[in-house]
Amino acid sequence: MPKRNLLYGLMVVCFTMLIFTWIVRDTLCELHLKRGNTELTVMLACEVKR
């Protein structure tokens, strides 16, 4: 049972990240997350729109 719950939790996290990325896909070029000593930086190839 615990492995099944872990799998469901991982699926929910991945699905949430996909939905978030889809919602902000036109405005998201760089994302910084800091938590304690850990830093996560995500950069996407973005073109400047004029």
Protein backbone atom coordinates (compact mmCIF):
# COMPACT_ATOMS: atom_id res chain seq x y z
CA MET A 1 0.00 0.00 0.00
CA PRO A 2 2.70 2.63 0.80
CA LYS A 3 4.28 2.17 -2.64
CA ARG A 4 0.91 2.74 -4.28
CA ASN A 5 0.39 5.94 -2.26
CA LEU A 6 3.87 7.14 -3.25
CA LEU A 7 3.09 6.49 -6.90
CA TYR A 8 -0.21 8.39 -6.68
CA GLY A 9 1.52 11.29 -4.94
CA LEU A 10 4.20 11.44 -7.62
CA MET A 11 1.55 11.40 -10.33
CA VAL A 12 -0.30 14.29 -8.67
CA VAL A 13 2.91 16.35 -8.44
CA CYS A 14 3.78 15.73 -12.09
CA PHE A 15 0.26 16.51 -13.25
CA THR A 16 0.23 19.73 -11.21
CA MET A 17 3.55 20.83 -12.74
CA LEU A 18 2.27 20.12 -16.26
CA ILE A 19 -0.91 22.14 -15.67
CA PHE A 20 1.08 25.03 -14.14
CA THR A 21 3.47 25.06 -17.11
CA TRP A 22 0.57 25.00 -19.57
CA ILE A 23 -1.13 27.94 -17.82
CA VAL A 24 1.95 30.20 -17.76
CA ARG A 25 3.67 28.94 -20.93
CA ASP A 26 3.65 32.37 -22.59
CA THR A 27 5.07 34.26 -19.61
CA LEU A 28 7.39 31.78 -17.93
CA CYS A 29 11.03 32.09 -19.01
CA GLU A 30 12.84 31.63 -15.72
CA LEU A 31 11.87 30.21 -12.33
CA HIS A 32 13.93 30.30 -9.12
CA LEU A 33 13.00 28.31 -6.04
CA LYS A 34 15.05 28.52 -2.84
CA ARG A 35 14.49 26.40 0.24
CA GLY A 36 17.18 26.41 2.87
CA ASN A 37 20.47 25.44 1.24
CA THR A 38 18.78 24.09 -1.90
CA GLU A 39 18.20 26.22 -4.98
CA LEU A 40 16.33 25.10 -8.09
CA THR A 41 16.54 27.18 -11.26
CA VAL A 42 14.55 26.41 -14.39
CA MET A 43 15.25 28.33 -17.60
CA LEU A 44 13.31 27.98 -20.82
CA ALA A 45 14.30 29.21 -24.26
CA CYS A 46 12.21 32.36 -24.67
CA GLU A 47 12.03 34.87 -27.46
CA VAL A 48 11.36 38.51 -26.74
CA LYS A 49 7.93 39.49 -28.07
CA ARG A 50 7.50 43.04 -29.34
